[in-house]
Protein backbone atom coordinates (compact mmCIF):
# COMPACT_ATOMS: atom_id res chain seq x y z
CA MET A 1 -33.29 -14.21 4.84
CA SER A 2 -32.45 -17.90 4.43
CA GLY A 3 -29.08 -19.36 3.57
CA ALA A 4 -30.36 -20.26 0.12
CA ASP A 5 -31.21 -16.60 -0.49
CA TRP A 6 -27.68 -15.54 0.42
CA LEU A 7 -26.22 -18.15 -1.92
CA SER A 8 -28.18 -16.62 -4.79
CA TYR A 9 -26.11 -13.43 -4.54
CA SER A 10 -22.79 -12.87 -6.30
CA LEU A 11 -20.06 -10.34 -5.59
CA GLN A 12 -21.41 -8.14 -8.38
CA ASP A 13 -24.61 -7.66 -6.37
CA PHE A 14 -22.66 -5.91 -3.60
CA VAL A 15 -20.77 -3.48 -5.85
CA MET A 16 -23.28 -0.75 -6.64
CA PHE A 17 -21.07 1.43 -8.81
CA GLY A 18 -19.34 1.16 -12.16
CA PRO A 19 -15.69 1.40 -13.21
CA GLN A 20 -16.06 5.03 -14.33
CA VAL A 21 -17.27 6.06 -10.88
CA PHE A 22 -14.39 4.24 -9.21
CA LEU A 23 -11.69 5.55 -11.51
CA ARG A 24 -13.06 9.06 -11.09
CA LEU A 25 -12.07 8.85 -7.42
CA PHE A 26 -8.39 8.93 -8.39
CA VAL A 27 -8.94 12.03 -10.48
CA ARG A 28 -10.95 13.76 -7.75
CA ILE A 29 -8.44 13.20 -4.96
CA ASN A 30 -5.57 14.39 -7.14
CA GLN A 31 -7.48 17.51 -8.10
CA ASP A 32 -8.41 18.23 -4.49
CA LEU A 33 -4.89 17.65 -3.16
CA TRP A 34 -2.96 19.59 -5.77
CA PRO A 35 -0.12 20.59 -5.38
CA TRP A 36 0.54 18.48 -2.27
CA GLN A 37 1.16 15.38 -4.42
CA VAL A 38 4.65 16.79 -5.00
CA LEU A 39 5.38 16.09 -1.33
CA ALA A 40 4.20 12.50 -1.77
CA VAL A 41 6.63 12.06 -4.67
CA VAL A 42 9.50 13.50 -2.62
CA VAL A 43 8.70 11.15 0.27
CA ALA A 44 8.50 8.14 -2.05
CA ILE A 45 11.94 8.88 -3.49
CA GLY A 46 13.43 9.90 -0.15
CA ILE A 47 12.50 6.75 1.78
CA PRO A 48 15.17 4.48 0.22
CA VAL A 49 17.73 7.28 0.63
CA LEU A 50 17.02 7.32 4.36
CA LEU A 51 16.96 3.54 4.65
CA PHE A 52 20.53 3.13 3.51
CA ARG A 53 22.12 5.87 5.54
CA PRO A 54 24.42 4.52 8.26
CA ARG A 55 22.49 5.97 11.20
CA GLN A 56 19.68 3.92 12.72
CA GLU A 57 17.69 7.12 13.25
CA ALA A 58 17.49 7.59 9.47
CA ARG A 59 16.04 4.10 9.06
CA ARG A 60 13.46 4.80 11.74
CA LEU A 61 12.50 8.03 10.02
CA ALA A 62 12.00 6.11 6.77
CA VAL A 63 9.71 3.66 8.55
CA GLY A 64 7.90 6.61 10.12
CA LEU A 65 7.26 8.11 6.68
CA MET A 66 5.88 4.77 5.54
CA ALA A 67 3.58 4.78 8.56
CA VAL A 68 2.30 8.22 7.57
CA ALA A 69 1.76 7.01 4.00
CA TRP A 70 -0.38 4.07 5.18
CA ALA A 71 -2.50 6.31 7.40
CA ALA A 72 -2.82 9.10 4.81
CA SER A 73 -3.93 6.83 1.98
CA GLY A 74 -6.29 4.93 4.28
CA TYR A 75 -7.98 7.94 5.79
CA GLY A 76 -7.75 10.15 2.72
CA PHE A 77 -8.70 7.84 -0.13
CA LEU A 78 -10.50 4.91 1.48
CA VAL A 79 -12.42 6.70 4.23
CA GLY A 80 -12.82 10.09 2.56
CA TYR A 81 -13.46 9.17 -1.08
CA PHE A 82 -14.16 5.45 -1.52
CA GLY A 83 -16.02 4.90 1.76
CA PRO A 84 -19.03 7.13 0.91
CA ILE A 85 -19.87 4.96 -2.11
CA TYR A 86 -18.80 1.58 -0.69
CA TRP A 87 -18.86 1.13 3.08
CA PRO A 88 -16.40 -1.84 3.32
CA ALA A 89 -13.74 0.51 1.91
CA ALA A 90 -14.07 2.70 5.00
CA TRP A 91 -13.32 -0.31 7.21
CA PHE A 92 -10.18 -0.95 5.22
CA GLY A 93 -9.35 2.73 5.52
CA TRP A 94 -9.30 2.49 9.29
CA ALA A 95 -7.29 -0.73 8.99
CA PHE A 96 -4.73 1.25 6.97
CA VAL A 97 -4.60 3.83 9.75
CA ALA A 98 -4.03 1.03 12.27
CA GLN A 99 -1.30 -0.36 10.02
CA GLY A 100 0.41 3.01 10.15
CA GLY A 101 0.09 2.97 13.93
CA LEU A 102 1.67 -0.48 14.02
CA LEU A 103 4.67 0.76 12.05
CA ALA A 104 4.99 3.78 14.33
CA ALA A 105 4.98 1.48 17.35
CA ALA A 106 7.57 -0.77 15.71
CA MET A 107 9.87 2.24 15.41
CA PHE A 108 9.95 2.81 19.15
CA PHE A 109 9.62 -0.71 20.54
CA GLY A 110 12.23 -2.78 18.77
CA GLY A 111 10.24 -3.73 15.71
CA VAL A 112 12.80 -2.34 13.23
CA HIS A 113 16.12 -4.21 13.04
CA GLY A 114 19.49 -2.64 12.31
CA TYR A 115 20.85 -5.28 9.94
CA ARG A 116 22.12 -4.47 6.47
CA LEU A 117 19.74 -4.92 3.56
CA PRO A 118 20.67 -5.78 -0.06
CA SER A 119 20.32 -2.17 -1.13
CA ASP A 120 20.40 -2.68 -4.91
CA ARG A 121 17.56 -5.22 -4.95
CA PHE A 122 15.47 -3.30 -2.43
CA VAL A 123 15.80 -0.01 -4.32
CA VAL A 124 14.94 -1.61 -7.67
CA LEU A 125 11.78 -3.19 -6.26
CA TRP A 126 10.85 -0.01 -4.40
CA LEU A 127 11.20 2.12 -7.53
CA ILE A 128 9.17 -0.36 -9.56
CA ALA A 129 6.39 -0.01 -6.98
CA VAL A 130 6.35 3.76 -6.51
CA CYS A 131 7.24 4.78 -10.08
CA GLY A 132 5.62 2.01 -12.12
CA LEU A 133 2.41 1.03 -10.36
CA PRO A 134 0.83 4.54 -10.28
CA TRP A 135 0.43 4.46 -14.07
CA TRP A 136 -1.87 1.45 -14.21
CA ALA A 137 -4.77 3.63 -13.08
CA VAL A 138 -3.88 6.03 -15.89
CA ALA A 139 -3.84 3.15 -18.38
CA GLU A 140 -7.24 2.01 -17.14
CA SER A 141 -8.92 5.43 -17.09
CA GLY A 142 -7.16 7.13 -19.99
CA GLN A 143 -6.62 10.22 -17.80
CA TRP A 144 -3.19 11.19 -16.50
CA GLN A 145 -4.89 12.93 -13.54
CA ALA A 146 -5.79 9.45 -12.25
CA VAL A 147 -2.16 8.64 -11.40
CA ALA A 148 -2.20 6.52 -8.22
CA LEU A 149 0.65 7.91 -6.14
CA PHE A 150 2.31 6.35 -3.10
CA GLY A 151 0.86 7.86 0.06
CA VAL A 152 -2.34 8.83 -1.76
CA ALA A 153 -3.67 5.73 -3.50
CA PRO A 154 -4.03 2.65 -1.27
CA GLY A 155 -2.98 0.13 -3.90
CA THR A 156 0.41 1.69 -4.60
CA THR A 157 0.94 2.39 -0.89
CA ALA A 158 0.19 -1.21 0.10
CA ALA A 159 2.40 -2.63 -2.67
CA ALA A 160 5.41 -0.49 -1.77
CA GLY A 161 4.64 -0.87 1.93
CA ALA A 162 4.76 -4.65 1.56
CA LEU A 163 8.54 -4.38 1.28
CA VAL A 164 8.65 -3.09 4.87
CA VAL A 165 8.61 -6.67 6.15
CA ALA A 166 12.31 -6.75 5.20
CA LEU A 167 12.93 -4.18 7.94
CA MET A 168 10.83 -5.69 10.71
CA THR A 169 11.73 -8.19 13.41
CA GLY A 170 9.93 -11.52 13.55
CA PRO A 171 6.88 -10.94 15.78
CA TRP A 172 6.12 -7.52 14.33
CA ARG A 173 6.05 -8.69 10.73
CA TRP A 174 3.35 -11.25 11.50
CA PHE A 175 1.12 -8.49 12.86
CA TYR A 176 1.89 -6.51 9.71
CA LEU A 177 0.82 -9.21 7.26
CA PRO A 178 -3.01 -9.40 7.60
CA VAL A 179 -3.91 -5.91 6.35
CA THR A 180 -1.56 -6.18 3.37
CA VAL A 181 -2.83 -9.61 2.33
CA LEU A 182 -6.52 -8.90 2.95
CA TRP A 183 -6.39 -5.59 1.10
CA SER A 184 -4.69 -7.24 -1.87
CA LEU A 185 -7.39 -9.93 -2.07
CA PHE A 186 -10.24 -7.46 -1.48
CA SER A 187 -9.01 -4.99 -4.08
CA ALA A 188 -8.39 -7.78 -6.60
CA ALA A 189 -12.01 -8.91 -6.15
CA ILE A 190 -13.27 -5.35 -6.70
CA PHE A 191 -11.12 -4.88 -9.80
CA TRP A 192 -12.32 -8.22 -11.15
CA VAL A 193 -15.97 -7.28 -10.72
CA LEU A 194 -15.42 -3.86 -12.27
CA GLN A 195 -13.34 -5.43 -15.05
CA THR A 196 -10.57 -2.92 -14.48
CA TRP A 197 -8.00 -5.46 -15.54
CA TRP A 198 -4.96 -3.19 -15.50
CA LEU A 199 -5.49 -2.45 -11.81
CA LEU A 200 -5.25 -6.15 -11.00
CA VAL A 201 -1.52 -5.72 -11.55
CA THR A 202 -1.39 -3.56 -8.40
CA SER A 203 -3.04 -6.22 -6.24
CA LEU A 204 -0.80 -8.96 -7.59
CA ALA A 205 2.27 -6.76 -7.15
CA ALA A 206 1.46 -6.22 -3.46
CA LEU A 207 1.47 -9.98 -2.84
CA LEU A 208 4.64 -10.50 -4.85
CA LEU A 209 6.41 -7.64 -3.09
CA LEU A 210 5.35 -9.06 0.24
CA GLY A 211 7.14 -12.27 -0.68
CA ALA A 212 10.10 -10.22 -1.87
CA GLY A 213 10.21 -8.48 1.50
CA PHE A 214 10.68 -11.84 3.23
CA TRP A 215 13.30 -12.80 0.66
CA LEU A 216 15.21 -9.55 1.25
CA SER A 217 15.00 -9.80 5.01
CA PRO A 218 18.53 -10.46 6.27
CA ARG A 219 19.52 -13.19 8.69
CA PRO A 220 21.60 -12.13 11.71
CA GLU A 221 24.43 -14.45 10.67
CA GLN A 222 24.63 -12.70 7.30
CA ASN A 223 25.51 -9.45 9.04
CA LEU A 224 28.38 -10.73 11.13
CA ASP A 225 31.75 -9.25 10.15
C-alpha cells in the first residue's frame, strides 16, 4: 500500500464500532463485577485518608493501592473488555499494568517522597476525580450502570492517578508521565470519533490533574521547620 493510500484514511476508518457498543462495555463490566465495585469505592475514598497519616508506611500503602488500581483497570477493562473489539486498547491495557508496576517499584526504591502535601487542595481535586468523573459515562449512556469507577474504568483511574506525580521524586515522575499523557490523547481521539462528547471531559481532566500534580508537588525548602 502506497503512502498516498494511507493518507486517504481517517481515524474513523480505524474505529470499527459505534458509541453504543463502547458505552455498553461500562455496563457489562459493572454487571460482571458486582458487588466488588463497593471495594473500589472504599479504596478510592481511603487513599487520601492514608496519604495524610503521619506514618510513611501509610503513604506507601496509598501509592500501592493506586498501583493496583492502574493494573486492575488496565487488565480488566482495557485488555478484557475493550481489547477484543479494538486491539490498540489491549496495548494500552498492558501499559496500565506496567504503570502499576512502576508505582509499586517507586514504593520500595525511593520514588515516593516524605514531604508534606497541601492536604486540602489535594483532597478536593482527588474527590472531584473519583466522585465526579464516573458520572460522565452515565450522562453519555443514560444508564446508571455505566458509572465509570476508579480502579475499574481507565479514564477515571488515569485522571485520579495523574495526581500521584505530587508524591513522586523527580526521576520517577518523568517515567510516570508518558502513559498518562498518551492515554489521555488516545482516549480523547476515540471519544471525538464516537462523538461521545461528555467523555471528553475525562480525558481533559486527566491532563489538567497531571498539571495540578506538579503544582501540588512540594519543594524540599517548603518542608523545613
